[in-house]
Amino acid sequence: MNLDPARVALCPGAIDCTMVNCIRAEPPSRIVAENTAGECVFIDECSTADDCVVATDHHWCCSCPEVFPAALLASDPCVSVTYVGSEAGCADCTAVDCAPCTAIHPVPACADTTAGYRTCR
């Protein structure tokens, strides 16, 4: 990583960032529930492919359709099959010129993960 020396002078601690691995870890599941002890725990996203849908995450501009657990659509208005652009908290992409999505339309599937959860893929 190249850091501009003038910027590092303004924030000397920035040089430490070059040693940080900033890879974002994916959660083992996108669905959580409260267990009997009152704790939030990850749970299976699906039991069959019917529990998965193709939708778009409108938290970000230029998102393309991908597979999500159907339960997520019920709790997050920014992840939807159809989108009218007025949901609070979603990205305002009215001034963004996005390239068309070129990926093949995904087919929902439910699969076991190495973490022991069934997730939509």
PDB file of N, CA and C in Angstrom:
ATOM      1  N   MET A   1       0.845  -1.170   0.000  1.00  0.00           N
ATOM      2  CA  MET A   1       0.000   0.000   0.000  1.00  0.00           C
ATOM      3  C   MET A   1       0.894   1.238   0.000  1.00  0.00           C
ATOM      4  N   ASN A   2       0.617   2.175  -0.902  1.00  0.00           N
ATOM      5  CA  ASN A   2       1.346   3.433  -0.931  1.00  0.00           C
ATOM      6  C   ASN A   2       0.596   4.486  -0.156  1.00  0.00           C
ATOM      7  N   LEU A   3       1.230   5.047   0.836  1.00  0.00           N
ATOM      8  CA  LEU A   3       0.624   6.137   1.590  1.00  0.00           C
ATOM      9  C   LEU A   3       1.340   7.424   1.247  1.00  0.00           C
ATOM     10  N   ASP A   4       0.571   8.451   0.947  1.00  0.00           N
ATOM     11  CA  ASP A   4       1.120   9.765   0.638  1.00  0.00           C
ATOM     12  C   ASP A   4       1.817  10.306   1.889  1.00  0.00           C
ATOM     13  N   PRO A   5       3.136  10.613   1.807  1.00  0.00           N
ATOM     14  CA  PRO A   5       3.874  11.101   2.984  1.00  0.00           C
ATOM     15  C   PRO A   5       3.244  12.332   3.634  1.00  0.00           C
ATOM     16  N   ALA A   6       2.647  13.211   2.842  1.00  0.00           N
ATOM     17  CA  ALA A   6       2.007  14.405   3.408  1.00  0.00           C
ATOM     18  C   ALA A   6       0.810  14.022   4.275  1.00  0.00           C
ATOM     19  N   ARG A   7       0.075  13.016   3.837  1.00  0.00           N
ATOM     20  CA  ARG A   7      -1.074  12.571   4.627  1.00  0.00           C
ATOM     21  C   ARG A   7      -0.625  11.844   5.887  1.00  0.00           C
ATOM     22  N   VAL A   8       0.443  11.063   5.790  1.00  0.00           N
ATOM     23  CA  VAL A   8       0.961  10.353   6.957  1.00  0.00           C
ATOM     24  C   VAL A   8       1.443  11.361   7.997  1.00  0.00           C
ATOM     25  N   ALA A   9       2.015  12.466   7.543  1.00  0.00           N
ATOM     26  CA  ALA A   9       2.479  13.507   8.467  1.00  0.00           C
ATOM     27  C   ALA A   9       1.302  14.074   9.266  1.00  0.00           C
ATOM     28  N   LEU A  10       0.136  14.161   8.647  1.00  0.00           N
ATOM     29  CA  LEU A  10      -1.051  14.667   9.338  1.00  0.00           C
ATOM     30  C   LEU A  10      -1.623  13.630  10.307  1.00  0.00           C
ATOM     31  N   CYS A  11      -1.357  12.380  10.023  1.00  0.00           N
ATOM     32  CA  CYS A  11      -1.881  11.305  10.858  1.00  0.00           C
ATOM     33  C   CYS A  11      -0.822  10.203  10.941  1.00  0.00           C
ATOM     34  N   PRO A  12       0.176  10.363  11.809  1.00  0.00           N
ATOM     35  CA  PRO A  12       1.278   9.407  11.871  1.00  0.00           C
ATOM     36  C   PRO A  12       0.836   7.969  12.149  1.00  0.00           C
ATOM     37  N   GLY A  13      -0.277   7.799  12.824  1.00  0.00           N
ATOM     38  CA  GLY A  13      -0.758   6.460  13.120  1.00  0.00           C
ATOM     39  C   GLY A  13      -1.220   5.710  11.882  1.00  0.00           C
ATOM     40  N   ALA A  14      -1.418   6.427  10.760  1.00  0.00           N
ATOM     41  CA  ALA A  14      -1.897   5.792   9.537  1.00  0.00           C
ATOM     42  C   ALA A  14      -0.920   4.746   9.019  1.00  0.00           C
ATOM     43  N   ILE A  15       0.360   4.931   9.295  1.00  0.00           N
ATOM     44  CA  ILE A  15       1.345   3.961   8.820  1.00  0.00           C
ATOM     45  C   ILE A  15       1.074   2.579   9.412  1.00  0.00           C
ATOM     46  N   ASP A  16       0.487   2.533  10.612  1.00  0.00           N
ATOM     47  CA  ASP A  16       0.150   1.255  11.226  1.00  0.00           C
ATOM     48  C   ASP A  16      -0.900   0.496  10.426  1.00  0.00           C
ATOM     49  N   CYS A  17      -1.706   1.219   9.659  1.00  0.00           N
ATOM     50  CA  CYS A  17      -2.765   0.573   8.874  1.00  0.00           C
ATOM     51  C   CYS A  17      -2.196  -0.307   7.768  1.00  0.00           C
ATOM     52  N   THR A  18      -0.974  -0.073   7.363  1.00  0.00           N
ATOM     53  CA  THR A  18      -0.409  -0.882   6.287  1.00  0.00           C
ATOM     54  C   THR A  18      -0.170  -2.321   6.740  1.00  0.00           C
ATOM     55  N   MET A  19      -0.168  -2.542   8.048  1.00  0.00           N
ATOM     56  CA  MET A  19       0.065  -3.888   8.562  1.00  0.00           C
ATOM     57  C   MET A  19      -1.225  -4.597   8.957  1.00  0.00           C
ATOM     58  N   VAL A  20      -2.362  -3.957   8.750  1.00  0.00           N
ATOM     59  CA  VAL A  20      -3.636  -4.530   9.151  1.00  0.00           C
ATOM     60  C   VAL A  20      -4.271  -5.235   7.955  1.00  0.00           C
ATOM     61  N   ASN A  21      -4.648  -6.480   8.161  1.00  0.00           N
ATOM     62  CA  ASN A  21      -5.346  -7.225   7.135  1.00  0.00           C
ATOM     63  C   ASN A  21      -6.829  -6.892   7.268  1.00  0.00           C
ATOM     64  N   CYS A  22      -7.359  -6.146   6.324  1.00  0.00           N
ATOM     65  CA  CYS A  22      -8.730  -5.649   6.422  1.00  0.00           C
ATOM     66  C   CYS A  22      -9.723  -6.482   5.624  1.00  0.00           C
ATOM     67  N   ILE A  23      -9.550  -7.772   5.598  1.00  0.00           N
ATOM     68  CA  ILE A  23     -10.489  -8.634   4.916  1.00  0.00           C
ATOM     69  C   ILE A  23     -11.721  -8.787   5.803  1.00  0.00           C
ATOM     70  N   ARG A  24     -12.876  -8.502   5.238  1.00  0.00           N
ATOM     71  CA  ARG A  24     -14.130  -8.589   5.990  1.00  0.00           C
ATOM     72  C   ARG A  24     -14.567 -10.045   6.091  1.00  0.00           C
ATOM     73  N   ALA A  25     -14.792 -10.487   7.298  1.00  0.00           N
ATOM     74  CA  ALA A  25     -15.248 -11.866   7.511  1.00  0.00           C
ATOM     75  C   ALA A  25     -16.753 -11.940   7.302  1.00  0.00           C
ATOM     76  N   GLU A  26     -17.185 -12.946   6.587  1.00  0.00           N
ATOM     77  CA  GLU A  26     -18.614 -13.169   6.393  1.00  0.00           C
ATOM     78  C   GLU A  26     -19.178 -13.861   7.627  1.00  0.00           C
ATOM     79  N   PRO A  27     -20.381 -13.486   8.051  1.00  0.00           N
ATOM     80  CA  PRO A  27     -20.979 -14.202   9.182  1.00  0.00           C
ATOM     81  C   PRO A  27     -21.354 -15.618   8.760  1.00  0.00           C
ATOM     82  N   PRO A  28     -21.461 -16.539   9.706  1.00  0.00           N
ATOM     83  CA  PRO A  28     -21.806 -17.907   9.343  1.00  0.00           C
ATOM     84  C   PRO A  28     -23.241 -18.043   8.821  1.00  0.00           C
ATOM     85  N   SER A  29     -24.077 -17.061   9.129  1.00  0.00           N
ATOM     86  CA  SER A  29     -25.458 -17.023   8.671  1.00  0.00           C
ATOM     87  C   SER A  29     -25.902 -15.567   8.683  1.00  0.00           C
ATOM     88  N   ARG A  30     -26.856 -15.214   7.838  1.00  0.00           N
ATOM     89  CA  ARG A  30     -27.391 -13.845   7.831  1.00  0.00           C
ATOM     90  C   ARG A  30     -28.649 -13.728   8.672  1.00  0.00           C
ATOM     91  N   ILE A  31     -29.011 -14.800   9.362  1.00  0.00           N
ATOM     92  CA  ILE A  31     -30.215 -14.827  10.190  1.00  0.00           C
ATOM     93  C   ILE A  31     -29.823 -15.126  11.636  1.00  0.00           C
ATOM     94  N   VAL A  32     -30.385 -14.363  12.562  1.00  0.00           N
ATOM     95  CA  VAL A  32     -30.148 -14.584  13.986  1.00  0.00           C
ATOM     96  C   VAL A  32     -31.490 -14.708  14.702  1.00  0.00           C
ATOM     97  N   ALA A  33     -31.448 -15.317  15.859  1.00  0.00           N
ATOM     98  CA  ALA A  33     -32.636 -15.453  16.696  1.00  0.00           C
ATOM     99  C   ALA A  33     -32.190 -15.449  18.152  1.00  0.00           C
ATOM    100  N   GLU A  34     -33.133 -15.226  19.027  1.00  0.00           N
ATOM    101  CA  GLU A  34     -32.836 -15.249  20.459  1.00  0.00           C
ATOM    102  C   GLU A  34     -32.988 -16.673  20.967  1.00  0.00           C
ATOM    103  N   ASN A  35     -31.965 -17.157  21.678  1.00  0.00           N
ATOM    104  CA  ASN A  35     -32.061 -18.507  22.247  1.00  0.00           C
ATOM    105  C   ASN A  35     -32.743 -18.452  23.614  1.00  0.00           C
ATOM    106  N   THR A  36     -32.864 -19.581  24.277  1.00  0.00           N
ATOM    107  CA  THR A  36     -33.576 -19.639  25.559  1.00  0.00           C
ATOM    108  C   THR A  36     -32.868 -18.864  26.662  1.00  0.00           C
ATOM    109  N   ALA A  37     -31.560 -18.599  26.490  1.00  0.00           N
ATOM    110  CA  ALA A  37     -30.817 -17.818  27.478  1.00  0.00           C
ATOM    111  C   ALA A  37     -30.901 -16.317  27.192  1.00  0.00           C
ATOM    112  N   GLY A  38     -31.650 -15.939  26.151  1.00  0.00           N
ATOM    113  CA  GLY A  38     -31.798 -14.528  25.815  1.00  0.00           C
ATOM    114  C   GLY A  38     -30.654 -13.978  24.976  1.00  0.00           C
ATOM    115  N   GLU A  39     -29.835 -14.846  24.413  1.00  0.00           N
ATOM    116  CA  GLU A  39     -28.700 -14.416  23.599  1.00  0.00           C
ATOM    117  C   GLU A  39     -29.062 -14.483  22.119  1.00  0.00           C
ATOM    118  N   CYS A  40     -28.477 -13.580  21.335  1.00  0.00           N
ATOM    119  CA  CYS A  40     -28.633 -13.646  19.893  1.00  0.00           C
ATOM    120  C   CYS A  40     -27.658 -14.678  19.349  1.00  0.00           C
ATOM    121  N   VAL A  41     -28.175 -15.610  18.570  1.00  0.00           N
ATOM    122  CA  VAL A  41     -27.341 -16.663  17.988  1.00  0.00           C
ATOM    123  C   VAL A  41     -27.668 -16.795  16.504  1.00  0.00           C
ATOM    124  N   PHE A  42     -26.681 -17.224  15.733  1.00  0.00           N
ATOM    125  CA  PHE A  42     -26.921 -17.501  14.327  1.00  0.00           C
ATOM    126  C   PHE A  42     -27.768 -18.749  14.206  1.00  0.00           C
ATOM    127  N   ILE A  43     -28.641 -18.762  13.198  1.00  0.00           N
ATOM    128  CA  ILE A  43     -29.457 -19.943  12.925  1.00  0.00           C
ATOM    129  C   ILE A  43     -29.397 -20.239  11.427  1.00  0.00           C
ATOM    130  N   ASP A  44     -29.915 -21.409  11.041  1.00  0.00           N
ATOM    131  CA  ASP A  44     -29.963 -21.761   9.626  1.00  0.00           C
ATOM    132  C   ASP A  44     -30.774 -20.734   8.841  1.00  0.00           C
ATOM    133  N   GLU A  45     -30.321 -20.433   7.633  1.00  0.00           N
ATOM    134  CA  GLU A  45     -31.052 -19.537   6.745  1.00  0.00           C
ATOM    135  C   GLU A  45     -32.173 -20.270   6.016  1.00  0.00           C
ATOM    136  N   CYS A  46     -32.012 -21.586   5.878  1.00  0.00           N
ATOM    137  CA  CYS A  46     -32.957 -22.337   5.062  1.00  0.00           C
ATOM    138  C   CYS A  46     -32.951 -23.802   5.468  1.00  0.00           C
ATOM    139  N   SER A  47     -34.023 -24.477   5.083  1.00  0.00           N
ATOM    140  CA  SER A  47     -34.030 -25.931   5.191  1.00  0.00           C
ATOM    141  C   SER A  47     -34.074 -26.535   3.789  1.00  0.00           C
ATOM    142  N   THR A  48     -34.679 -25.785   2.844  1.00  0.00           N
ATOM    143  CA  THR A  48     -34.691 -26.186   1.430  1.00  0.00           C
ATOM    144  C   THR A  48     -34.474 -24.943   0.574  1.00  0.00           C
ATOM    145  N   ALA A  49     -34.287 -25.148  -0.706  1.00  0.00           N
ATOM    146  CA  ALA A  49     -34.101 -24.024  -1.641  1.00  0.00           C
ATOM    147  C   ALA A  49     -35.327 -23.116  -1.694  1.00  0.00           C
ATOM    148  N   ASP A  50     -36.492 -23.635  -1.314  1.00  0.00           N
ATOM    149  CA  ASP A  50     -37.707 -22.814  -1.300  1.00  0.00           C
ATOM    150  C   ASP A  50     -37.633 -21.691  -0.266  1.00  0.00           C
ATOM    151  N   ASP A  51     -36.720 -21.799   0.691  1.00  0.00           N
ATOM    152  CA  ASP A  51     -36.532 -20.766   1.713  1.00  0.00           C
ATOM    153  C   ASP A  51     -35.594 -19.661   1.234  1.00  0.00           C
ATOM    154  N   CYS A  52     -35.126 -19.754  -0.006  1.00  0.00           N
ATOM    155  CA  CYS A  52     -34.174 -18.799  -0.578  1.00  0.00           C
ATOM    156  C   CYS A  52     -34.806 -18.096  -1.775  1.00  0.00           C
ATOM    157  N   VAL A  53     -34.468 -16.821  -1.960  1.00  0.00           N
ATOM    158  CA  VAL A  53     -35.009 -16.048  -3.078  1.00  0.00           C
ATOM    159  C   VAL A  53     -33.905 -15.228  -3.739  1.00  0.00           C
ATOM    160  N   VAL A  54     -34.134 -14.856  -4.975  1.00  0.00           N
ATOM    161  CA  VAL A  54     -33.233 -13.952  -5.670  1.00  0.00           C
ATOM    162  C   VAL A  54     -33.747 -12.538  -5.437  1.00  0.00           C
ATOM    163  N   ALA A  55     -32.893 -11.689  -4.884  1.00  0.00           N
ATOM    164  CA  ALA A  55     -33.270 -10.316  -4.570  1.00  0.00           C
ATOM    165  C   ALA A  55     -32.040  -9.426  -4.746  1.00  0.00           C
ATOM    166  N   THR A  56     -32.234  -8.132  -4.508  1.00  0.00           N
ATOM    167  CA  THR A  56     -31.136  -7.167  -4.641  1.00  0.00           C
ATOM    168  C   THR A  56     -30.976  -6.406  -3.335  1.00  0.00           C
ATOM    169  N   ASP A  57     -29.729  -6.215  -2.919  1.00  0.00           N
ATOM    170  CA  ASP A  57     -29.400  -5.480  -1.697  1.00  0.00           C
ATOM    171  C   ASP A  57     -29.250  -4.000  -2.041  1.00  0.00           C
ATOM    172  N   HIS A  58     -30.242  -3.205  -1.661  1.00  0.00           N
ATOM    173  CA  HIS A  58     -30.250  -1.782  -1.978  1.00  0.00           C
ATOM    174  C   HIS A  58     -29.604  -0.925  -0.886  1.00  0.00           C
ATOM    175  N   HIS A  59     -28.813  -1.553  -0.026  1.00  0.00           N
ATOM    176  CA  HIS A  59     -27.989  -0.776   0.898  1.00  0.00           C
ATOM    177  C   HIS A  59     -26.854  -0.117   0.128  1.00  0.00           C
ATOM    178  N   TRP A  60     -26.539  -0.652  -1.051  1.00  0.00           N
ATOM    179  CA  TRP A  60     -25.412  -0.202  -1.868  1.00  0.00           C
ATOM    180  C   TRP A  60     -25.905   0.129  -3.259  1.00  0.00           C
ATOM    181  N   CYS A  61     -25.287   1.086  -3.890  1.00  0.00           N
ATOM    182  CA  CYS A  61     -25.596   1.384  -5.281  1.00  0.00           C
ATOM    183  C   CYS A  61     -24.954   0.330  -6.181  1.00  0.00           C
ATOM    184  N   CYS A  62     -25.573   0.097  -7.295  1.00  0.00           N
ATOM    185  CA  CYS A  62     -25.061  -0.816  -8.335  1.00  0.00           C
ATOM    186  C   CYS A  62     -25.023  -2.279  -7.902  1.00  0.00           C
ATOM    187  N   SER A  63     -25.860  -2.656  -6.957  1.00  0.00           N
ATOM    188  CA  SER A  63     -25.948  -4.060  -6.557  1.00  0.00           C
ATOM    189  C   SER A  63     -26.669  -4.845  -7.640  1.00  0.00           C
ATOM    190  N   CYS A  64     -26.312  -6.092  -7.748  1.00  0.00           N
ATOM    191  CA  CYS A  64     -26.950  -6.989  -8.708  1.00  0.00           C
ATOM    192  C   CYS A  64     -27.708  -8.072  -7.950  1.00  0.00           C
ATOM    193  N   PRO A  65     -28.671  -8.708  -8.597  1.00  0.00           N
ATOM    194  CA  PRO A  65     -29.430  -9.769  -7.919  1.00  0.00           C
ATOM    195  C   PRO A  65     -28.516 -10.886  -7.427  1.00  0.00           C
ATOM    196  N   GLU A  66     -28.832 -11.376  -6.231  1.00  0.00           N
ATOM    197  CA  GLU A  66     -28.120 -12.500  -5.647  1.00  0.00           C
ATOM    198  C   GLU A  66     -29.096 -13.280  -4.774  1.00  0.00           C
ATOM    199  N   VAL A  67     -28.652 -14.388  -4.237  1.00  0.00           N
ATOM    200  CA  VAL A  67     -29.534 -15.252  -3.447  1.00  0.00           C
ATOM    201  C   VAL A  67     -29.489 -14.828  -1.982  1.00  0.00           C
ATOM    202  N   PHE A  68     -30.677 -14.676  -1.387  1.00  0.00           N
ATOM    203  CA  PHE A  68     -30.831 -14.298   0.018  1.00  0.00           C
ATOM    204  C   PHE A  68     -31.823 -15.240   0.690  1.00  0.00           C
ATOM    205  N   PRO A  69     -31.732 -15.362   2.019  1.00  0.00           N
ATOM    206  CA  PRO A  69     -32.787 -16.099   2.731  1.00  0.00           C
ATOM    207  C   PRO A  69     -34.082 -15.280   2.673  1.00  0.00           C
ATOM    208  N   ALA A  70     -35.191 -15.939   2.386  1.00  0.00           N
ATOM    209  CA  ALA A  70     -36.470 -15.238   2.296  1.00  0.00           C
ATOM    210  C   ALA A  70     -36.796 -14.525   3.606  1.00  0.00           C
ATOM    211  N   ALA A  71     -36.389 -15.078   4.736  1.00  0.00           N
ATOM    212  CA  ALA A  71     -36.654 -14.457   6.036  1.00  0.00           C
ATOM    213  C   ALA A  71     -36.011 -13.079   6.148  1.00  0.00           C
ATOM    214  N   LEU A  72     -34.912 -12.861   5.456  1.00  0.00           N
ATOM    215  CA  LEU A  72     -34.224 -11.565   5.515  1.00  0.00           C
ATOM    216  C   LEU A  72     -35.061 -10.477   4.856  1.00  0.00           C
ATOM    217  N   LEU A  73     -35.770 -10.820   3.803  1.00  0.00           N
ATOM    218  CA  LEU A  73     -36.600  -9.838   3.111  1.00  0.00           C
ATOM    219  C   LEU A  73     -37.709  -9.306   4.004  1.00  0.00           C
ATOM    220  N   ALA A  74     -38.197 -10.139   4.925  1.00  0.00           N
ATOM    221  CA  ALA A  74     -39.264  -9.719   5.830  1.00  0.00           C
ATOM    222  C   ALA A  74     -38.789  -8.699   6.849  1.00  0.00           C
ATOM    223  N   SER A  75     -37.485  -8.702   7.155  1.00  0.00           N
ATOM    224  CA  SER A  75     -36.977  -7.807   8.194  1.00  0.00           C
ATOM    225  C   SER A  75     -36.128  -6.657   7.664  1.00  0.00           C
ATOM    226  N   ASP A  76     -35.770  -6.662   6.383  1.00  0.00           N
ATOM    227  CA  ASP A  76     -34.904  -5.621   5.826  1.00  0.00           C
ATOM    228  C   ASP A  76     -35.502  -5.077   4.534  1.00  0.00           C
ATOM    229  N   PRO A  77     -36.113  -3.889   4.585  1.00  0.00           N
ATOM    230  CA  PRO A  77     -36.757  -3.343   3.388  1.00  0.00           C
ATOM    231  C   PRO A  77     -35.779  -2.991   2.260  1.00  0.00           C
ATOM    232  N   CYS A  78     -34.494  -2.926   2.559  1.00  0.00           N
ATOM    233  CA  CYS A  78     -33.510  -2.604   1.523  1.00  0.00           C
ATOM    234  C   CYS A  78     -33.086  -3.825   0.711  1.00  0.00           C
ATOM    235  N   VAL A  79     -33.429  -5.006   1.163  1.00  0.00           N
ATOM    236  CA  VAL A  79     -33.179  -6.224   0.398  1.00  0.00           C
ATOM    237  C   VAL A  79     -34.541  -6.651  -0.136  1.00  0.00           C
ATOM    238  N   SER A  80     -34.702  -6.550  -1.455  1.00  0.00           N
ATOM    239  CA  SER A  80     -36.030  -6.798  -2.003  1.00  0.00           C
ATOM    240  C   SER A  80     -35.982  -7.337  -3.420  1.00  0.00           C
ATOM    241  N   VAL A  81     -37.087  -7.956  -3.788  1.00  0.00           N
ATOM    242  CA  VAL A  81     -37.243  -8.458  -5.150  1.00  0.00           C
ATOM    243  C   VAL A  81     -37.620  -7.289  -6.057  1.00  0.00           C
ATOM    244  N   THR A  82     -38.516  -6.444  -5.575  1.00  0.00           N
ATOM    245  CA  THR A  82     -38.882  -5.216  -6.285  1.00  0.00           C
ATOM    246  C   THR A  82     -38.564  -4.044  -5.368  1.00  0.00           C
ATOM    247  N   TYR A  83     -38.212  -2.918  -5.940  1.00  0.00           N
ATOM    248  CA  TYR A  83     -37.740  -1.789  -5.140  1.00  0.00           C
ATOM    249  C   TYR A  83     -38.257  -0.499  -5.748  1.00  0.00           C
ATOM    250  N   VAL A  84     -38.846   0.336  -4.911  1.00  0.00           N
ATOM    251  CA  VAL A  84     -39.366   1.605  -5.418  1.00  0.00           C
ATOM    252  C   VAL A  84     -38.458   2.782  -5.098  1.00  0.00           C
ATOM    253  N   GLY A  85     -37.447   2.580  -4.283  1.00  0.00           N
ATOM    254  CA  GLY A  85     -36.449   3.616  -4.040  1.00  0.00           C
ATOM    255  C   GLY A  85     -36.746   4.593  -2.929  1.00  0.00           C
ATOM    256  N   SER A  86     -37.728   4.326  -2.094  1.00  0.00           N
ATOM    257  CA  SER A  86     -38.072   5.294  -1.057  1.00  0.00           C
ATOM    258  C   SER A  86     -37.874   4.776   0.361  1.00  0.00           C
ATOM    259  N   GLU A  87     -37.363   3.566   0.502  1.00  0.00           N
ATOM    260  CA  GLU A  87     -37.204   3.001   1.836  1.00  0.00           C
ATOM    261  C   GLU A  87     -36.112   3.730   2.606  1.00  0.00           C
ATOM    262  N   ALA A  88     -36.392   4.087   3.847  1.00  0.00           N
ATOM    263  CA  ALA A  88     -35.415   4.769   4.702  1.00  0.00           C
ATOM    264  C   ALA A  88     -34.235   3.853   4.981  1.00  0.00           C
ATOM    265  N   GLY A  89     -33.043   4.408   4.940  1.00  0.00           N
ATOM    266  CA  GLY A  89     -31.846   3.648   5.239  1.00  0.00           C
ATOM    267  C   GLY A  89     -31.215   2.980   4.033  1.00  0.00           C
ATOM    268  N   CYS A  90     -31.920   2.977   2.907  1.00  0.00           N
ATOM    269  CA  CYS A  90     -31.363   2.383   1.689  1.00  0.00           C
ATOM    270  C   CYS A  90     -30.541   3.442   0.959  1.00  0.00           C
ATOM    271  N   ALA A  91     -29.655   2.991   0.101  1.00  0.00           N
ATOM    272  CA  ALA A  91     -28.799   3.914  -0.643  1.00  0.00           C
ATOM    273  C   ALA A  91     -29.622   4.748  -1.615  1.00  0.00           C
ATOM    274  N   ASP A  92     -29.293   6.031  -1.715  1.00  0.00           N
ATOM    275  CA  ASP A  92     -29.917   6.910  -2.707  1.00  0.00           C
ATOM    276  C   ASP A  92     -29.023   6.895  -3.942  1.00  0.00           C
ATOM    277  N   CYS A  93     -29.431   6.167  -4.933  1.00  0.00           N
ATOM    278  CA  CYS A  93     -28.600   5.971  -6.122  1.00  0.00           C
ATOM    279  C   CYS A  93     -29.153   6.702  -7.337  1.00  0.00           C
ATOM    280  N   THR A  94     -29.990   7.685  -7.102  1.00  0.00           N
ATOM    281  CA  THR A  94     -30.625   8.391  -8.218  1.00  0.00           C
ATOM    282  C   THR A  94     -29.610   9.078  -9.127  1.00  0.00           C
ATOM    283  N   ALA A  95     -28.462   9.503  -8.581  1.00  0.00           N
ATOM    284  CA  ALA A  95     -27.457  10.190  -9.392  1.00  0.00           C
ATOM    285  C   ALA A  95     -26.321   9.267  -9.821  1.00  0.00           C
ATOM    286  N   VAL A  96     -26.470   7.977  -9.574  1.00  0.00           N
ATOM    287  CA  VAL A  96     -25.405   7.025  -9.885  1.00  0.00           C
ATOM    288  C   VAL A  96     -25.745   6.298 -11.178  1.00  0.00           C
ATOM    289  N   ASP A  97     -24.807   6.280 -12.096  1.00  0.00           N
ATOM    290  CA  ASP A  97     -24.989   5.586 -13.364  1.00  0.00           C
ATOM    291  C   ASP A  97     -24.304   4.228 -13.262  1.00  0.00           C
ATOM    292  N   CYS A  98     -25.076   3.201 -12.986  1.00  0.00           N
ATOM    293  CA  CYS A  98     -24.522   1.858 -12.792  1.00  0.00           C
ATOM    294  C   CYS A  98     -24.475   1.101 -14.114  1.00  0.00           C
ATOM    295  N   ALA A  99     -23.441   0.313 -14.256  1.00  0.00           N
ATOM    296  CA  ALA A  99     -23.361  -0.589 -15.401  1.00  0.00           C
ATOM    297  C   ALA A  99     -24.401  -1.685 -15.211  1.00  0.00           C
ATOM    298  N   PRO A 100     -24.915  -2.243 -16.292  1.00  0.00           N
ATOM    299  CA  PRO A 100     -25.893  -3.324 -16.127  1.00  0.00           C
ATOM    300  C   PRO A 100     -25.254  -4.552 -15.491  1.00  0.00           C
ATOM    301  N   CYS A 101     -26.054  -5.291 -14.776  1.00  0.00           N
ATOM    302  CA  CYS A 101     -25.568  -6.536 -14.177  1.00  0.00           C
ATOM    303  C   CYS A 101     -25.353  -7.543 -15.304  1.00  0.00           C
ATOM    304  N   THR A 102     -24.201  -8.158 -15.300  1.00  0.00           N
ATOM    305  CA  THR A 102     -23.873  -9.076 -16.389  1.00  0.00           C
ATOM    306  C   THR A 102     -23.842 -10.537 -15.939  1.00  0.00           C
ATOM    307  N   ALA A 103     -23.904 -10.767 -14.650  1.00  0.00           N
ATOM    308  CA  ALA A 103     -23.858 -12.143 -14.154  1.00  0.00           C
ATOM    309  C   ALA A 103     -25.129 -12.888 -14.543  1.00  0.00           C
ATOM    310  N   ILE A 104     -25.002 -14.178 -14.682  1.00  0.00           N
ATOM    311  CA  ILE A 104     -26.158 -15.020 -14.963  1.00  0.00           C
ATOM    312  C   ILE A 104     -27.076 -14.975 -13.750  1.00  0.00           C
ATOM    313  N   HIS A 105     -28.376 -14.882 -13.999  1.00  0.00           N
ATOM    314  CA  HIS A 105     -29.351 -14.830 -12.913  1.00  0.00           C
ATOM    315  C   HIS A 105     -29.162 -16.051 -12.009  1.00  0.00           C
ATOM    316  N   PRO A 106     -28.886 -15.832 -10.724  1.00  0.00           N
ATOM    317  CA  PRO A 106     -28.608 -16.966  -9.831  1.00  0.00           C
ATOM    318  C   PRO A 106     -29.833 -17.847  -9.593  1.00  0.00           C
ATOM    319  N   VAL A 107     -29.573 -19.096  -9.323  1.00  0.00           N
ATOM    320  CA  VAL A 107     -30.630 -20.063  -8.984  1.00  0.00           C
ATOM    321  C   VAL A 107     -30.502 -20.360  -7.491  1.00  0.00           C
ATOM    322  N   PRO A 108     -31.538 -20.091  -6.710  1.00  0.00           N
ATOM    323  CA  PRO A 108     -31.456 -20.325  -5.267  1.00  0.00           C
ATOM    324  C   PRO A 108     -31.183 -21.785  -4.918  1.00  0.00           C
ATOM    325  N   ALA A 109     -30.326 -21.958  -3.931  1.00  0.00           N
ATOM    326  CA  ALA A 109     -30.008 -23.281  -3.399  1.00  0.00           C
ATOM    327  C   ALA A 109     -29.776 -23.149  -1.905  1.00  0.00           C
ATOM    328  N   CYS A 110     -30.008 -24.223  -1.177  1.00  0.00           N
ATOM    329  CA  CYS A 110     -29.759 -24.278   0.261  1.00  0.00           C
ATOM    330  C   CYS A 110     -28.685 -25.330   0.487  1.00  0.00           C
ATOM    331  N   ALA A 111     -27.600 -24.931   1.150  1.00  0.00           N
ATOM    332  CA  ALA A 111     -26.472 -25.858   1.299  1.00  0.00           C
ATOM    333  C   ALA A 111     -25.883 -25.780   2.701  1.00  0.00           C
ATOM    334  N   ASP A 112     -25.275 -26.886   3.123  1.00  0.00           N
ATOM    335  CA  ASP A 112     -24.561 -26.931   4.396  1.00  0.00           C
ATOM    336  C   ASP A 112     -23.240 -26.189   4.264  1.00  0.00           C
ATOM    337  N   THR A 113     -22.813 -25.526   5.342  1.00  0.00           N
ATOM    338  CA  THR A 113     -21.526 -24.846   5.355  1.00  0.00           C
ATOM    339  C   THR A 113     -20.587 -25.560   6.307  1.00  0.00           C
ATOM    340  N   THR A 114     -19.315 -25.220   6.223  1.00  0.00           N
ATOM    341  CA  THR A 114     -18.344 -25.812   7.138  1.00  0.00           C
ATOM    342  C   THR A 114     -18.563 -25.332   8.570  1.00  0.00           C
ATOM    343  N   ALA A 115     -19.285 -24.212   8.733  1.00  0.00           N
ATOM    344  CA  ALA A 115     -19.587 -23.704  10.079  1.00  0.00           C
ATOM    345  C   ALA A 115     -20.778 -24.427  10.715  1.00  0.00           C
ATOM    346  N   GLY A 116     -21.422 -25.317   9.952  1.00  0.00           N
ATOM    347  CA  GLY A 116     -22.512 -26.096  10.516  1.00  0.00           C
ATOM    348  C   GLY A 116     -23.889 -25.498  10.314  1.00  0.00           C
ATOM    349  N   TYR A 117     -24.028 -24.507   9.450  1.00  0.00           N
ATOM    350  CA  TYR A 117     -25.314 -23.888   9.180  1.00  0.00           C
ATOM    351  C   TYR A 117     -25.751 -24.206   7.767  1.00  0.00           C
ATOM    352  N   ARG A 118     -27.056 -24.164   7.548  1.00  0.00           N
ATOM    353  CA  ARG A 118     -27.586 -24.267   6.180  1.00  0.00           C
ATOM    354  C   ARG A 118     -27.828 -22.847   5.701  1.00  0.00           C
ATOM    355  N   THR A 119     -27.217 -22.489   4.576  1.00  0.00           N
ATOM    356  CA  THR A 119     -27.321 -21.129   4.069  1.00  0.00           C
ATOM    357  C   THR A 119     -27.772 -21.108   2.617  1.00  0.00           C
ATOM    358  N   CYS A 120     -28.365 -19.990   2.241  1.00  0.00           N
ATOM    359  CA  CYS A 120     -28.797 -19.785   0.862  1.00  0.00           C
ATOM    360  C   CYS A 120     -27.580 -19.413   0.020  1.00  0.00           C
ATOM    361  N   ARG A 121     -27.472 -20.033  -1.131  1.00  0.00           N
ATOM    362  CA  ARG A 121     -26.362 -19.775  -2.058  1.00  0.00           C
ATOM    363  C   ARG A 121     -26.906 -19.503  -3.436  1.00  0.00           C
TER     364      ARG A 121
END
